Structure formats: C-alpha cells, structure tokens
Amino acid sequence: MDLARNWRLKDQRYRLEGAVCATCGAKFFPPRGVCAECRSNKLEPFKFSGRGELYSFTTLYQAPLGYEGGLPYAVGMIKLDEGPMIEAQLTDVNPQDLKIGQRVEMVTRKLRELGEEGLIVYGYKFRPVANAS
C-alpha cells in the first residue's frame, strides 16, 4: 500500500464511513457504488457509530506479511449496530477474555509500518466497551 491509497481510504479507516442507499436505506461497509439490495446507484456517505457486538473471533499466531507485530492477536467479526458485519483486529484485551456477544467499540490504532519510507498506517480496530450495558 502506498501513501496515495492510504489517503484515499482515510474516511473508512479513521471515521468508519460507509454508504447508505438513498432508495431503500440499506447500509454498507466498506462503501460501494451499487446497492446489493435494490441495485440502485444512489448511495450516499454514512458514518457508522463504531459500536457493535462481537459475532465471532479467532486468535492469530502467524500473521500476514507486515502484520507480524504484536503476535498473538485476535481478529473478529463485528456486527455493527447499524447492521453490516465488519472484520477487524481486536485490541486492548487478552484473547482469552473475549466472549461472543460482548459489546465492542471502534478505536483508531496503528496497523503497520511500511518499508523504508517509514509510513505508519493507522486504521480501525475494536475493543471491548467498558461498562457495557
């Protein structure tokens, strides 16, 4: 990934911005150009709350190239309060303490560093909600 691509994805990575269909109201993350529900191309930006429920998770002991720092770490599927599912690294928690169904929230964290340029890539991760009700 280069600097230009990282900049283009900043709204998704830092603000959890997806899309909502102006025709049927379906919400998508990441954003898309055509609604999967009604096939309309009238989609508008939509900022998700960044809160949801842990649907599933696993602990990684071997990571993809560039993501080896911090092993082992957990990755989960999160069902956002607004509907879509999102995959993300889980942070600020011991993987043994994770539970299906627990409340989580988005936080911005360092994802990785890129090569000799030293570009630090930040993005969304999810952590357990403190004092979840």
N, C-alpha and C. Protein backbone atom coordinates (compact mmCIF):
# COMPACT_ATOMS: atom_id res chain seq x y z
N MET A 1 0.84 -1.17 0.00
CA MET A 1 0.00 0.00 0.00
C MET A 1 0.89 1.23 0.00
N ASP A 2 0.51 2.21 -0.75
CA ASP A 2 1.31 3.42 -0.82
C ASP A 2 0.57 4.57 -0.14
N LEU A 3 1.23 5.70 -0.07
CA LEU A 3 0.68 6.87 0.59
C LEU A 3 -0.63 7.32 -0.05
N ALA A 4 -0.71 7.32 -1.38
CA ALA A 4 -1.92 7.77 -2.06
C ALA A 4 -3.12 6.88 -1.71
N ARG A 5 -2.93 5.58 -1.72
CA ARG A 5 -4.03 4.67 -1.38
C ARG A 5 -4.46 4.85 0.06
N ASN A 6 -3.48 4.99 0.94
CA ASN A 6 -3.78 5.21 2.36
C ASN A 6 -4.62 6.48 2.52
N TRP A 7 -4.29 7.51 1.81
CA TRP A 7 -5.03 8.78 1.88
C TRP A 7 -6.45 8.61 1.35
N ARG A 8 -6.63 7.87 0.27
CA ARG A 8 -7.98 7.64 -0.29
C ARG A 8 -8.88 6.89 0.67
N LEU A 9 -8.32 6.03 1.51
CA LEU A 9 -9.11 5.21 2.43
C LEU A 9 -9.28 5.85 3.81
N LYS A 10 -8.85 7.08 3.98
CA LYS A 10 -8.85 7.70 5.30
C LYS A 10 -10.24 7.79 5.92
N ASP A 11 -11.28 8.07 5.15
CA ASP A 11 -12.63 8.16 5.73
C ASP A 11 -13.10 6.82 6.26
N GLN A 12 -12.79 5.74 5.57
CA GLN A 12 -13.14 4.40 6.06
C GLN A 12 -12.32 4.06 7.30
N ARG A 13 -11.04 4.31 7.25
CA ARG A 13 -10.14 3.86 8.31
C ARG A 13 -10.23 4.67 9.58
N TYR A 14 -10.48 5.97 9.47
CA TYR A 14 -10.46 6.83 10.66
C TYR A 14 -11.85 7.17 11.17
N ARG A 15 -12.85 7.17 10.29
CA ARG A 15 -14.20 7.58 10.71
C ARG A 15 -15.23 6.48 10.51
N LEU A 16 -14.84 5.32 10.04
CA LEU A 16 -15.74 4.20 9.77
C LEU A 16 -16.90 4.65 8.88
N GLU A 17 -16.51 5.31 7.78
CA GLU A 17 -17.51 5.81 6.84
C GLU A 17 -17.81 4.76 5.77
N GLY A 18 -19.07 4.45 5.63
CA GLY A 18 -19.54 3.52 4.61
C GLY A 18 -20.52 4.22 3.69
N ALA A 19 -21.59 3.52 3.34
CA ALA A 19 -22.59 4.10 2.44
C ALA A 19 -23.98 3.64 2.85
N VAL A 20 -24.96 4.48 2.54
CA VAL A 20 -26.37 4.14 2.74
C VAL A 20 -27.09 4.38 1.42
N CYS A 21 -27.99 3.47 1.08
CA CYS A 21 -28.75 3.59 -0.16
C CYS A 21 -29.88 4.60 0.06
N ALA A 22 -29.93 5.62 -0.80
CA ALA A 22 -30.97 6.63 -0.70
C ALA A 22 -32.33 6.08 -1.12
N THR A 23 -32.35 4.96 -1.83
CA THR A 23 -33.60 4.37 -2.30
C THR A 23 -34.23 3.45 -1.25
N CYS A 24 -33.45 2.50 -0.70
CA CYS A 24 -34.04 1.50 0.21
C CYS A 24 -33.52 1.59 1.63
N GLY A 25 -32.47 2.38 1.88
CA GLY A 25 -31.95 2.55 3.23
C GLY A 25 -30.92 1.51 3.67
N ALA A 26 -30.56 0.57 2.81
CA ALA A 26 -29.55 -0.44 3.17
C ALA A 26 -28.21 0.24 3.42
N LYS A 27 -27.49 -0.27 4.42
CA LYS A 27 -26.19 0.32 4.79
C LYS A 27 -25.07 -0.67 4.48
N PHE A 28 -23.93 -0.14 4.04
CA PHE A 28 -22.81 -0.97 3.61
C PHE A 28 -21.49 -0.46 4.16
N PHE A 29 -20.64 -1.41 4.52
CA PHE A 29 -19.25 -1.11 4.85
C PHE A 29 -18.40 -2.25 4.33
N PRO A 30 -17.38 -1.96 3.53
CA PRO A 30 -16.98 -0.66 3.04
C PRO A 30 -18.00 -0.10 2.06
N PRO A 31 -17.88 1.20 1.73
CA PRO A 31 -18.84 1.79 0.80
C PRO A 31 -18.77 1.12 -0.56
N ARG A 32 -19.86 1.18 -1.26
CA ARG A 32 -19.93 0.60 -2.60
C ARG A 32 -20.68 1.54 -3.52
N GLY A 33 -20.65 1.26 -4.80
CA GLY A 33 -21.28 2.12 -5.80
C GLY A 33 -22.69 1.70 -6.19
N VAL A 34 -23.05 0.45 -5.91
CA VAL A 34 -24.37 -0.07 -6.26
C VAL A 34 -24.93 -0.82 -5.05
N CYS A 35 -26.21 -0.58 -4.76
CA CYS A 35 -26.86 -1.24 -3.63
C CYS A 35 -27.07 -2.72 -3.92
N ALA A 36 -26.64 -3.58 -2.99
CA ALA A 36 -26.80 -5.03 -3.15
C ALA A 36 -28.25 -5.46 -2.93
N GLU A 37 -29.07 -4.61 -2.33
CA GLU A 37 -30.46 -4.95 -2.04
C GLU A 37 -31.39 -4.59 -3.19
N CYS A 38 -31.29 -3.34 -3.69
CA CYS A 38 -32.25 -2.88 -4.71
C CYS A 38 -31.59 -2.49 -6.04
N ARG A 39 -30.28 -2.59 -6.10
CA ARG A 39 -29.49 -2.28 -7.31
C ARG A 39 -29.48 -0.80 -7.69
N SER A 40 -29.88 0.05 -6.78
CA SER A 40 -29.83 1.49 -7.03
C SER A 40 -28.37 1.94 -7.00
N ASN A 41 -28.07 3.00 -7.75
CA ASN A 41 -26.73 3.57 -7.69
C ASN A 41 -26.75 4.90 -6.92
N LYS A 42 -27.81 5.12 -6.16
CA LYS A 42 -27.95 6.35 -5.37
C LYS A 42 -27.50 6.08 -3.93
N LEU A 43 -26.20 5.95 -3.76
CA LEU A 43 -25.65 5.72 -2.43
C LEU A 43 -24.96 6.98 -1.93
N GLU A 44 -25.11 7.22 -0.65
CA GLU A 44 -24.55 8.41 -0.03
C GLU A 44 -23.62 8.00 1.11
N PRO A 45 -22.65 8.84 1.47
CA PRO A 45 -21.77 8.52 2.60
C PRO A 45 -22.58 8.36 3.89
N PHE A 46 -22.14 7.44 4.73
CA PHE A 46 -22.81 7.19 6.01
C PHE A 46 -21.74 6.88 7.05
N LYS A 47 -21.75 7.61 8.16
CA LYS A 47 -20.78 7.38 9.24
C LYS A 47 -21.40 6.45 10.27
N PHE A 48 -20.80 5.28 10.42
CA PHE A 48 -21.26 4.30 11.39
C PHE A 48 -20.86 4.74 12.80
N SER A 49 -21.62 4.29 13.78
CA SER A 49 -21.38 4.67 15.17
C SER A 49 -20.07 4.09 15.71
N GLY A 50 -19.62 2.99 15.12
CA GLY A 50 -18.41 2.34 15.61
C GLY A 50 -18.67 1.41 16.78
N ARG A 51 -19.92 1.11 17.05
CA ARG A 51 -20.27 0.19 18.13
C ARG A 51 -21.00 -1.02 17.57
N GLY A 52 -20.80 -2.15 18.24
CA GLY A 52 -21.45 -3.36 17.79
C GLY A 52 -21.22 -4.50 18.76
N GLU A 53 -21.42 -5.70 18.24
CA GLU A 53 -21.34 -6.91 19.04
C GLU A 53 -20.36 -7.88 18.40
N LEU A 54 -19.55 -8.51 19.22
CA LEU A 54 -18.59 -9.49 18.72
C LEU A 54 -19.35 -10.74 18.28
N TYR A 55 -19.33 -11.02 17.00
CA TYR A 55 -20.08 -12.13 16.41
C TYR A 55 -19.25 -13.42 16.42
N SER A 56 -17.95 -13.28 16.14
CA SER A 56 -17.04 -14.42 16.09
C SER A 56 -15.62 -13.89 16.19
N PHE A 57 -14.68 -14.75 16.58
CA PHE A 57 -13.29 -14.30 16.66
C PHE A 57 -12.35 -15.50 16.62
N THR A 58 -11.10 -15.21 16.34
CA THR A 58 -10.05 -16.21 16.38
C THR A 58 -8.77 -15.51 16.82
N THR A 59 -7.81 -16.28 17.29
CA THR A 59 -6.51 -15.74 17.67
C THR A 59 -5.49 -16.15 16.63
N LEU A 60 -4.73 -15.18 16.13
CA LEU A 60 -3.70 -15.44 15.13
C LEU A 60 -2.35 -15.61 15.81
N TYR A 61 -1.66 -16.68 15.43
CA TYR A 61 -0.30 -16.92 15.92
C TYR A 61 0.71 -16.74 14.79
N GLN A 62 0.23 -16.74 13.55
CA GLN A 62 1.02 -16.40 12.37
C GLN A 62 0.22 -15.35 11.62
N ALA A 63 0.89 -14.28 11.22
CA ALA A 63 0.18 -13.16 10.62
C ALA A 63 0.61 -12.93 9.19
N PRO A 64 -0.21 -12.23 8.42
CA PRO A 64 0.19 -11.86 7.07
C PRO A 64 1.42 -10.95 7.09
N LEU A 65 2.16 -10.94 6.03
CA LEU A 65 3.36 -10.11 5.90
C LEU A 65 3.02 -8.66 6.23
N GLY A 66 3.80 -8.09 7.14
CA GLY A 66 3.60 -6.71 7.53
C GLY A 66 2.76 -6.54 8.78
N TYR A 67 2.12 -7.60 9.24
CA TYR A 67 1.26 -7.52 10.42
C TYR A 67 1.75 -8.44 11.54
N GLU A 68 3.03 -8.75 11.53
CA GLU A 68 3.59 -9.70 12.50
C GLU A 68 3.74 -9.11 13.90
N GLY A 69 3.79 -7.79 14.00
CA GLY A 69 3.98 -7.15 15.31
C GLY A 69 2.82 -7.42 16.24
N GLY A 70 3.15 -7.76 17.49
CA GLY A 70 2.12 -7.96 18.48
C GLY A 70 1.48 -9.34 18.51
N LEU A 71 2.08 -10.31 17.81
CA LEU A 71 1.53 -11.67 17.85
C LEU A 71 1.64 -12.25 19.25
N PRO A 72 0.74 -13.07 19.69
CA PRO A 72 -0.53 -13.38 19.04
C PRO A 72 -1.53 -12.24 19.24
N TYR A 73 -2.50 -12.13 18.33
CA TYR A 73 -3.57 -11.15 18.47
C TYR A 73 -4.87 -11.72 17.92
N ALA A 74 -5.95 -11.13 18.35
CA ALA A 74 -7.27 -11.62 17.96
C ALA A 74 -7.84 -10.80 16.82
N VAL A 75 -8.57 -11.47 15.95
CA VAL A 75 -9.31 -10.85 14.85
C VAL A 75 -10.75 -11.30 14.99
N GLY A 76 -11.67 -10.38 14.79
CA GLY A 76 -13.07 -10.74 14.98
C GLY A 76 -13.99 -10.24 13.88
N MET A 77 -15.16 -10.84 13.85
CA MET A 77 -16.27 -10.35 13.02
C MET A 77 -17.18 -9.59 13.97
N ILE A 78 -17.46 -8.34 13.63
CA ILE A 78 -18.28 -7.49 14.46
C ILE A 78 -19.55 -7.15 13.69
N LYS A 79 -20.69 -7.36 14.34
CA LYS A 79 -21.97 -6.95 13.76
C LYS A 79 -22.24 -5.55 14.28
N LEU A 80 -22.09 -4.57 13.39
CA LEU A 80 -22.29 -3.18 13.78
C LEU A 80 -23.75 -2.95 14.17
N ASP A 81 -24.00 -2.00 15.05
CA ASP A 81 -25.36 -1.69 15.50
C ASP A 81 -26.27 -1.32 14.32
N GLU A 82 -25.68 -0.77 13.27
CA GLU A 82 -26.47 -0.37 12.10
C GLU A 82 -26.70 -1.51 11.11
N GLY A 83 -26.12 -2.69 11.36
CA GLY A 83 -26.40 -3.85 10.53
C GLY A 83 -25.24 -4.57 9.89
N PRO A 84 -24.36 -3.89 9.16
CA PRO A 84 -23.30 -4.62 8.47
C PRO A 84 -22.33 -5.34 9.40
N MET A 85 -21.69 -6.37 8.86
CA MET A 85 -20.62 -7.09 9.56
C MET A 85 -19.29 -6.53 9.07
N ILE A 86 -18.33 -6.46 9.97
CA ILE A 86 -17.02 -5.94 9.63
C ILE A 86 -15.97 -6.82 10.30
N GLU A 87 -14.89 -7.05 9.60
CA GLU A 87 -13.78 -7.81 10.16
C GLU A 87 -12.72 -6.83 10.63
N ALA A 88 -12.19 -7.08 11.84
CA ALA A 88 -11.18 -6.16 12.36
C ALA A 88 -10.35 -6.84 13.43
N GLN A 89 -9.16 -6.29 13.63
CA GLN A 89 -8.32 -6.76 14.72
C GLN A 89 -8.93 -6.27 16.03
N LEU A 90 -8.84 -7.11 17.06
CA LEU A 90 -9.34 -6.75 18.39
C LEU A 90 -8.15 -6.32 19.24
N THR A 91 -8.34 -5.27 20.03
CA THR A 91 -7.23 -4.68 20.76
C THR A 91 -7.64 -4.38 22.20
N ASP A 92 -6.66 -4.07 23.01
CA ASP A 92 -6.87 -3.71 24.41
C ASP A 92 -7.58 -4.80 25.19
N VAL A 93 -7.32 -6.07 24.84
CA VAL A 93 -7.96 -7.20 25.52
C VAL A 93 -7.08 -8.43 25.38
N ASN A 94 -7.08 -9.26 26.39
CA ASN A 94 -6.43 -10.55 26.32
C ASN A 94 -7.35 -11.48 25.53
N PRO A 95 -6.87 -12.15 24.48
CA PRO A 95 -7.75 -13.00 23.68
C PRO A 95 -8.55 -14.02 24.50
N GLN A 96 -8.02 -14.46 25.64
CA GLN A 96 -8.75 -15.43 26.47
C GLN A 96 -9.97 -14.81 27.14
N ASP A 97 -10.03 -13.48 27.21
CA ASP A 97 -11.15 -12.79 27.85
C ASP A 97 -12.29 -12.44 26.89
N LEU A 98 -12.11 -12.74 25.62
CA LEU A 98 -13.15 -12.42 24.63
C LEU A 98 -14.33 -13.37 24.75
N LYS A 99 -15.52 -12.85 24.49
CA LYS A 99 -16.75 -13.65 24.53
C LYS A 99 -17.65 -13.26 23.37
N ILE A 100 -18.19 -14.26 22.70
CA ILE A 100 -19.17 -14.00 21.65
C ILE A 100 -20.33 -13.21 22.26
N GLY A 101 -20.77 -12.19 21.57
CA GLY A 101 -21.89 -11.38 22.03
C GLY A 101 -21.50 -10.16 22.85
N GLN A 102 -20.22 -10.05 23.22
CA GLN A 102 -19.85 -8.89 24.03
C GLN A 102 -19.84 -7.63 23.18
N ARG A 103 -20.11 -6.51 23.83
CA ARG A 103 -20.15 -5.21 23.17
C ARG A 103 -18.73 -4.73 22.89
N VAL A 104 -18.53 -4.17 21.70
CA VAL A 104 -17.23 -3.65 21.30
C VAL A 104 -17.42 -2.28 20.66
N GLU A 105 -16.32 -1.52 20.63
CA GLU A 105 -16.35 -0.19 20.02
C GLU A 105 -15.08 0.01 19.19
N MET A 106 -15.20 0.84 18.17
CA MET A 106 -14.08 1.13 17.29
C MET A 106 -13.12 2.10 17.95
N VAL A 107 -11.83 1.85 17.74
CA VAL A 107 -10.78 2.78 18.14
C VAL A 107 -9.79 2.87 16.98
N THR A 108 -9.09 3.98 16.91
CA THR A 108 -8.07 4.14 15.86
C THR A 108 -6.73 3.74 16.47
N ARG A 109 -6.04 2.84 15.77
CA ARG A 109 -4.75 2.34 16.24
C ARG A 109 -3.81 2.15 15.05
N LYS A 110 -2.54 2.00 15.38
CA LYS A 110 -1.53 1.69 14.36
C LYS A 110 -1.78 0.29 13.83
N LEU A 111 -1.83 0.16 12.49
CA LEU A 111 -1.99 -1.15 11.85
C LEU A 111 -0.64 -1.75 11.50
N ARG A 112 0.23 -0.92 10.92
CA ARG A 112 1.53 -1.42 10.49
C ARG A 112 2.43 -0.27 10.04
N GLU A 113 3.69 -0.59 9.79
CA GLU A 113 4.64 0.36 9.21
C GLU A 113 5.03 -0.15 7.85
N LEU A 114 5.18 0.77 6.90
CA LEU A 114 5.52 0.37 5.55
C LEU A 114 6.96 0.67 5.22
N GLY A 115 7.71 -0.39 5.03
CA GLY A 115 9.05 -0.38 4.48
C GLY A 115 9.96 0.78 4.81
N GLU A 116 10.81 1.07 3.86
CA GLU A 116 11.86 2.06 4.03
C GLU A 116 11.33 3.48 4.14
N GLU A 117 10.12 3.72 3.60
CA GLU A 117 9.56 5.07 3.67
C GLU A 117 9.20 5.45 5.10
N GLY A 118 8.92 4.43 5.94
CA GLY A 118 8.55 4.69 7.32
C GLY A 118 7.12 5.15 7.52
N LEU A 119 6.28 4.96 6.50
CA LEU A 119 4.87 5.36 6.61
C LEU A 119 4.18 4.49 7.66
N ILE A 120 3.59 5.13 8.66
CA ILE A 120 2.82 4.41 9.66
C ILE A 120 1.37 4.45 9.23
N VAL A 121 0.76 3.29 9.10
CA VAL A 121 -0.63 3.18 8.66
C VAL A 121 -1.50 2.98 9.89
N TYR A 122 -2.44 3.89 10.07
CA TYR A 122 -3.41 3.78 11.14
C TYR A 122 -4.74 3.33 10.57
N GLY A 123 -5.57 2.78 11.42
CA GLY A 123 -6.89 2.36 10.98
C GLY A 123 -7.73 1.92 12.16
N TYR A 124 -8.87 1.32 11.85
CA TYR A 124 -9.79 0.92 12.92
C TYR A 124 -9.44 -0.46 13.46
N LYS A 125 -9.62 -0.58 14.75
CA LYS A 125 -9.61 -1.84 15.47
C LYS A 125 -10.79 -1.75 16.43
N PHE A 126 -11.13 -2.84 17.06
CA PHE A 126 -12.24 -2.82 18.02
C PHE A 126 -11.76 -3.31 19.37
N ARG A 127 -12.34 -2.75 20.43
CA ARG A 127 -12.02 -3.17 21.79
C ARG A 127 -13.32 -3.34 22.56
N PRO A 128 -13.27 -4.12 23.65
CA PRO A 128 -14.47 -4.28 24.48
C PRO A 128 -14.91 -2.92 25.03
N VAL A 129 -16.20 -2.71 25.11
CA VAL A 129 -16.76 -1.49 25.69
C VAL A 129 -16.66 -1.60 27.21
N ALA A 130 -16.07 -0.59 27.82
CA ALA A 130 -16.01 -0.55 29.28
C ALA A 130 -17.40 -0.26 29.82
N ASN A 131 -17.79 -0.98 30.86
CA ASN A 131 -19.10 -0.80 31.48
C ASN A 131 -20.25 -0.96 30.49
N ALA A 132 -20.16 -1.98 29.64
CA ALA A 132 -21.21 -2.24 28.66
C ALA A 132 -22.51 -2.58 29.37
N SER A 133 -23.59 -2.01 28.86
CA SER A 133 -24.89 -2.30 29.47
C SER A 133 -25.68 -3.30 28.70
